[in-house]
């Protein structure tokens, strides 16, 4: 199986929400902790969490003894310039062995089974980019 890296984008200010999305409650935990725990249950070999706004506060939400993929926490000092700066910060942190990358928005939680299915479909496929679809609509 290919070495798969997952990047969770969690750097935003949540300005339209009015409160930090990272700390919203989801399935008995915070949204950030939920998404990290779900990735940890997949075959991903590496997990990169990109923080930005108030990174020291949100860093405290990240489990210290995560089992599963190797964990890196990256701070994007330019988060206010847009999401692409966080994508680039995550990509710069990739392990050189990484053969596949999944980029997740922290505020769109996915279960471990859904994430694993996406990883498996990409590894089994022959295309360089995998885009999920449902009833003929890409997502």
Foldseek 3Di string as FASTA:
>chain_A
DAAEEEEEEQADPCVVVVDRQQQPDDPRGGLVQQQLLQQQPAQHQEYEYEYEVVVVVSVVRHDPDRHHHHYHYHYQPVCVVDDVSSVVRRVVPDDPRHPYYHYHYSNPHDGSVVVNVQVVVVVPDDDSDDFDDDPPHTD
